[in-house]
Amino acid sequence: MKILVLNGPNLNMLGIREPDQYGSETYTNLVNRINEHCSKNNYEVLVLQSNHEGDLIDKIQDAYFESIDGIVFNPGGYTHTSIALLDAIKAVSIPTVEVHISKVEEREDYRQISYVREACIATISGKGIDGYLEAIDLLVKKIKDTND
């Protein structure tokens, strides 16, 4: 099982940016926890982050050519603005789970909008960094159920 965990803008600032919303764990901690979780479960994982929309689109498209089985995606602020990311996920038809550290449904009105959600098989929100691990497990289960 090959999984891409893709993070959008400002997620590299975890532990620094608004710790009341996003917690005090750093981006390095997030990456380490994902790697440990995937290693323990024998999943191959690639964790990437970019502050640039085009780079995120390139990484989604690359996932198609690299035979990635599933994507866990936190688009950050692009969640609420990017139809281009929605189109990229639709184009590759790779099962994708949207994840958010904070509980976006309880935040500002503009954060209620998710363009990428339409192309995702599930959304996990408000569970902090643990939400990524839940998203990985959910993604793997859905892929295995589909393949059985």
C-alpha atoms as a PDB file:
ATOM      1  CA  MET A   1       0.000   0.000   0.000  1.00  0.00           C
ATOM      2  CA  LYS A   2       1.528   3.314  -1.141  1.00  0.00           C
ATOM      3  CA  ILE A   3       0.106   6.440   0.468  1.00  0.00           C
ATOM      4  CA  LEU A   4       0.803  10.095  -0.196  1.00  0.00           C
ATOM      5  CA  VAL A   5       0.193  12.475   2.717  1.00  0.00           C
ATOM      6  CA  LEU A   6       0.028  15.937   1.214  1.00  0.00           C
ATOM      7  CA  ASN A   7      -0.045  19.164   3.209  1.00  0.00           C
ATOM      8  CA  GLY A   8      -0.838  22.626   1.945  1.00  0.00           C
ATOM      9  CA  PRO A   9       0.178  26.130   2.987  1.00  0.00           C
ATOM     10  CA  ASN A  10       1.316  27.003   6.482  1.00  0.00           C
ATOM     11  CA  LEU A  11       1.253  23.440   7.778  1.00  0.00           C
ATOM     12  CA  ASN A  12       5.036  23.624   7.998  1.00  0.00           C
ATOM     13  CA  MET A  13       4.388  26.199  10.757  1.00  0.00           C
ATOM     14  CA  LEU A  14       2.646  23.757  13.104  1.00  0.00           C
ATOM     15  CA  GLY A  15       3.537  24.413  16.723  1.00  0.00           C
ATOM     16  CA  ILE A  16       4.200  28.065  15.888  1.00  0.00           C
ATOM     17  CA  ARG A  17       1.039  29.173  14.101  1.00  0.00           C
ATOM     18  CA  GLU A  18      -2.061  29.623  16.283  1.00  0.00           C
ATOM     19  CA  PRO A  19      -1.362  26.838  18.783  1.00  0.00           C
ATOM     20  CA  ASP A  20      -4.832  27.400  20.279  1.00  0.00           C
ATOM     21  CA  GLN A  21      -6.299  26.171  16.958  1.00  0.00           C
ATOM     22  CA  TYR A  22      -3.655  23.736  15.739  1.00  0.00           C
ATOM     23  CA  GLY A  23      -1.914  22.516  18.885  1.00  0.00           C
ATOM     24  CA  SER A  24       1.705  22.693  19.945  1.00  0.00           C
ATOM     25  CA  GLU A  25       3.085  19.714  18.036  1.00  0.00           C
ATOM     26  CA  THR A  26       5.486  20.681  15.256  1.00  0.00           C
ATOM     27  CA  TYR A  27       5.400  19.670  11.614  1.00  0.00           C
ATOM     28  CA  THR A  28       8.407  17.429  12.304  1.00  0.00           C
ATOM     29  CA  ASN A  29       6.375  15.664  15.016  1.00  0.00           C
ATOM     30  CA  LEU A  30       3.512  15.201  12.544  1.00  0.00           C
ATOM     31  CA  VAL A  31       5.803  13.668   9.931  1.00  0.00           C
ATOM     32  CA  ASN A  32       7.441  11.391  12.515  1.00  0.00           C
ATOM     33  CA  ARG A  33       4.092  10.173  13.833  1.00  0.00           C
ATOM     34  CA  ILE A  34       2.840   9.446  10.308  1.00  0.00           C
ATOM     35  CA  ASN A  35       6.052   7.590   9.411  1.00  0.00           C
ATOM     36  CA  GLU A  36       5.929   5.526  12.625  1.00  0.00           C
ATOM     37  CA  HIS A  37       2.244   4.668  12.125  1.00  0.00           C
ATOM     38  CA  CYS A  38       2.782   3.611   8.522  1.00  0.00           C
ATOM     39  CA  SER A  39       5.927   1.647   9.305  1.00  0.00           C
ATOM     40  CA  LYS A  40       4.119  -0.248  12.086  1.00  0.00           C
ATOM     41  CA  ASN A  41       1.318  -1.127   9.631  1.00  0.00           C
ATOM     42  CA  ASN A  42       3.603  -1.904   6.669  1.00  0.00           C
ATOM     43  CA  TYR A  43       2.341   0.975   4.536  1.00  0.00           C
ATOM     44  CA  GLU A  44       4.736   2.810   2.269  1.00  0.00           C
ATOM     45  CA  VAL A  45       4.244   6.552   2.822  1.00  0.00           C
ATOM     46  CA  LEU A  46       5.498   9.764   1.316  1.00  0.00           C
ATOM     47  CA  VAL A  47       4.811  12.979   3.281  1.00  0.00           C
ATOM     48  CA  LEU A  48       5.068  16.257   1.389  1.00  0.00           C
ATOM     49  CA  GLN A  49       4.201  19.900   2.082  1.00  0.00           C
ATOM     50  CA  SER A  50       4.052  22.966  -0.116  1.00  0.00           C
ATOM     51  CA  ASN A  51       2.890  26.544   0.257  1.00  0.00           C
ATOM     52  CA  HIS A  52       2.254  26.734  -3.501  1.00  0.00           C
ATOM     53  CA  GLU A  53      -0.945  25.627  -5.197  1.00  0.00           C
ATOM     54  CA  GLY A  54       0.748  24.581  -8.434  1.00  0.00           C
ATOM     55  CA  ASP A  55       3.240  22.406  -6.545  1.00  0.00           C
ATOM     56  CA  LEU A  56       0.357  20.639  -4.790  1.00  0.00           C
ATOM     57  CA  ILE A  57      -1.333  20.014  -8.140  1.00  0.00           C
ATOM     58  CA  ASP A  58       1.944  18.652  -9.547  1.00  0.00           C
ATOM     59  CA  LYS A  59       2.279  16.294  -6.564  1.00  0.00           C
ATOM     60  CA  ILE A  60      -1.290  15.017  -7.033  1.00  0.00           C
ATOM     61  CA  GLN A  61      -0.628  14.408 -10.724  1.00  0.00           C
ATOM     62  CA  ASP A  62       2.732  12.757  -9.961  1.00  0.00           C
ATOM     63  CA  ALA A  63       0.886  10.394  -7.584  1.00  0.00           C
ATOM     64  CA  TYR A  64      -0.971   8.996 -10.591  1.00  0.00           C
ATOM     65  CA  PHE A  65       2.236   8.174 -12.454  1.00  0.00           C
ATOM     66  CA  GLU A  66       3.926   6.822  -9.307  1.00  0.00           C
ATOM     67  CA  SER A  67       1.084   4.330  -8.682  1.00  0.00           C
ATOM     68  CA  ILE A  68       0.089   5.833  -5.343  1.00  0.00           C
ATOM     69  CA  ASP A  69      -2.876   3.878  -3.913  1.00  0.00           C
ATOM     70  CA  GLY A  70      -4.366   6.687  -1.833  1.00  0.00           C
ATOM     71  CA  ILE A  71      -3.915  10.283  -0.737  1.00  0.00           C
ATOM     72  CA  VAL A  72      -4.453  11.922   2.636  1.00  0.00           C
ATOM     73  CA  PHE A  73      -4.726  15.639   1.915  1.00  0.00           C
ATOM     74  CA  ASN A  74      -4.812  18.701   4.125  1.00  0.00           C
ATOM     75  CA  PRO A  75      -5.105  21.541   1.615  1.00  0.00           C
ATOM     76  CA  GLY A  76      -4.840  24.184   4.347  1.00  0.00           C
ATOM     77  CA  GLY A  77      -6.258  27.525   3.237  1.00  0.00           C
ATOM     78  CA  TYR A  78      -6.638  26.239  -0.332  1.00  0.00           C
ATOM     79  CA  THR A  79      -9.507  24.079   0.958  1.00  0.00           C
ATOM     80  CA  HIS A  80     -11.750  27.118   0.732  1.00  0.00           C
ATOM     81  CA  THR A  81     -10.440  28.619  -2.502  1.00  0.00           C
ATOM     82  CA  SER A  82      -9.077  26.096  -4.981  1.00  0.00           C
ATOM     83  CA  ILE A  83     -11.177  24.531  -7.681  1.00  0.00           C
ATOM     84  CA  ALA A  84      -7.877  23.636  -9.362  1.00  0.00           C
ATOM     85  CA  LEU A  85      -7.022  21.232  -6.513  1.00  0.00           C
ATOM     86  CA  LEU A  86     -10.502  19.704  -6.791  1.00  0.00           C
ATOM     87  CA  ASP A  87      -9.933  19.209 -10.515  1.00  0.00           C
ATOM     88  CA  ALA A  88      -6.525  17.602  -9.895  1.00  0.00           C
ATOM     89  CA  ILE A  89      -7.989  15.073  -7.459  1.00  0.00           C
ATOM     90  CA  LYS A  90     -10.812  14.300  -9.885  1.00  0.00           C
ATOM     91  CA  ALA A  91      -8.352  13.919 -12.761  1.00  0.00           C
ATOM     92  CA  VAL A  92      -6.255  11.228 -11.096  1.00  0.00           C
ATOM     93  CA  SER A  93      -9.160   9.267  -9.539  1.00  0.00           C
ATOM     94  CA  ILE A  94      -7.001   8.226  -6.582  1.00  0.00           C
ATOM     95  CA  PRO A  95      -9.025   7.673  -3.392  1.00  0.00           C
ATOM     96  CA  THR A  96      -8.443  10.739  -1.229  1.00  0.00           C
ATOM     97  CA  VAL A  97      -9.326  11.586   2.366  1.00  0.00           C
ATOM     98  CA  GLU A  98      -9.483  15.259   3.316  1.00  0.00           C
ATOM     99  CA  VAL A  99      -8.071  15.996   6.782  1.00  0.00           C
ATOM    100  CA  HIS A 100      -8.029  19.115   8.953  1.00  0.00           C
ATOM    101  CA  ILE A 101      -6.339  19.532  12.321  1.00  0.00           C
ATOM    102  CA  SER A 102      -8.866  22.054  13.607  1.00  0.00           C
ATOM    103  CA  LYS A 103     -12.616  21.629  13.643  1.00  0.00           C
ATOM    104  CA  VAL A 104     -13.275  23.748  10.546  1.00  0.00           C
ATOM    105  CA  GLU A 105     -17.041  23.319  10.820  1.00  0.00           C
ATOM    106  CA  GLU A 106     -16.964  25.362  14.039  1.00  0.00           C
ATOM    107  CA  ARG A 107     -14.748  28.151  12.736  1.00  0.00           C
ATOM    108  CA  GLU A 108     -15.308  31.174  10.494  1.00  0.00           C
ATOM    109  CA  ASP A 109     -18.051  30.999   7.847  1.00  0.00           C
ATOM    110  CA  TYR A 110     -15.564  30.972   4.964  1.00  0.00           C
ATOM    111  CA  ARG A 111     -13.904  27.873   6.436  1.00  0.00           C
ATOM    112  CA  GLN A 112     -17.200  25.996   6.043  1.00  0.00           C
ATOM    113  CA  ILE A 113     -16.551  25.786   2.298  1.00  0.00           C
ATOM    114  CA  SER A 114     -14.432  22.921   0.999  1.00  0.00           C
ATOM    115  CA  TYR A 115     -13.962  22.686  -2.725  1.00  0.00           C
ATOM    116  CA  VAL A 116     -11.876  19.511  -2.512  1.00  0.00           C
ATOM    117  CA  ARG A 117     -14.440  17.613  -0.413  1.00  0.00           C
ATOM    118  CA  GLU A 118     -16.510  16.821  -3.514  1.00  0.00           C
ATOM    119  CA  ALA A 119     -13.718  14.557  -4.794  1.00  0.00           C
ATOM    120  CA  CYS A 120     -12.866  12.934  -1.441  1.00  0.00           C
ATOM    121  CA  ILE A 121     -14.182   9.680  -0.013  1.00  0.00           C
ATOM    122  CA  ALA A 122     -14.229  11.120   3.535  1.00  0.00           C
ATOM    123  CA  THR A 123     -13.293  14.133   5.644  1.00  0.00           C
ATOM    124  CA  ILE A 124     -11.746  14.025   9.104  1.00  0.00           C
ATOM    125  CA  SER A 125     -11.753  17.280  11.015  1.00  0.00           C
ATOM    126  CA  GLY A 126     -10.941  18.511  14.493  1.00  0.00           C
ATOM    127  CA  LYS A 127      -8.904  15.570  15.760  1.00  0.00           C
ATOM    128  CA  GLY A 128      -5.524  17.261  15.719  1.00  0.00           C
ATOM    129  CA  ILE A 129      -2.569  15.311  14.397  1.00  0.00           C
ATOM    130  CA  ASP A 130      -4.331  12.066  15.331  1.00  0.00           C
ATOM    131  CA  GLY A 131      -6.758  12.858  12.505  1.00  0.00           C
ATOM    132  CA  TYR A 132      -4.016  12.052  10.005  1.00  0.00           C
ATOM    133  CA  LEU A 133      -3.554   8.570  11.452  1.00  0.00           C
ATOM    134  CA  GLU A 134      -7.313   8.011  11.420  1.00  0.00           C
ATOM    135  CA  ALA A 135      -7.429   9.242   7.812  1.00  0.00           C
ATOM    136  CA  ILE A 136      -4.664   6.825   6.794  1.00  0.00           C
ATOM    137  CA  ASP A 137      -6.444   3.882   8.414  1.00  0.00           C
ATOM    138  CA  LEU A 138      -9.795   4.845   6.878  1.00  0.00           C
ATOM    139  CA  LEU A 139      -8.203   5.239   3.455  1.00  0.00           C
ATOM    140  CA  VAL A 140      -6.473   1.857   3.619  1.00  0.00           C
ATOM    141  CA  LYS A 141      -9.679   0.143   4.773  1.00  0.00           C
ATOM    142  CA  LYS A 142     -11.712   1.690   1.934  1.00  0.00           C
ATOM    143  CA  ILE A 143      -9.082   0.719  -0.644  1.00  0.00           C
ATOM    144  CA  LYS A 144      -8.902  -2.856   0.664  1.00  0.00           C
ATOM    145  CA  ASP A 145     -12.716  -3.129   0.756  1.00  0.00           C
ATOM    146  CA  THR A 146     -12.887  -1.894  -2.844  1.00  0.00           C
ATOM    147  CA  ASN A 147     -10.237  -4.388  -3.977  1.00  0.00           C
ATOM    148  CA  ASP A 148     -11.858  -7.399  -2.269  1.00  0.00           C
END
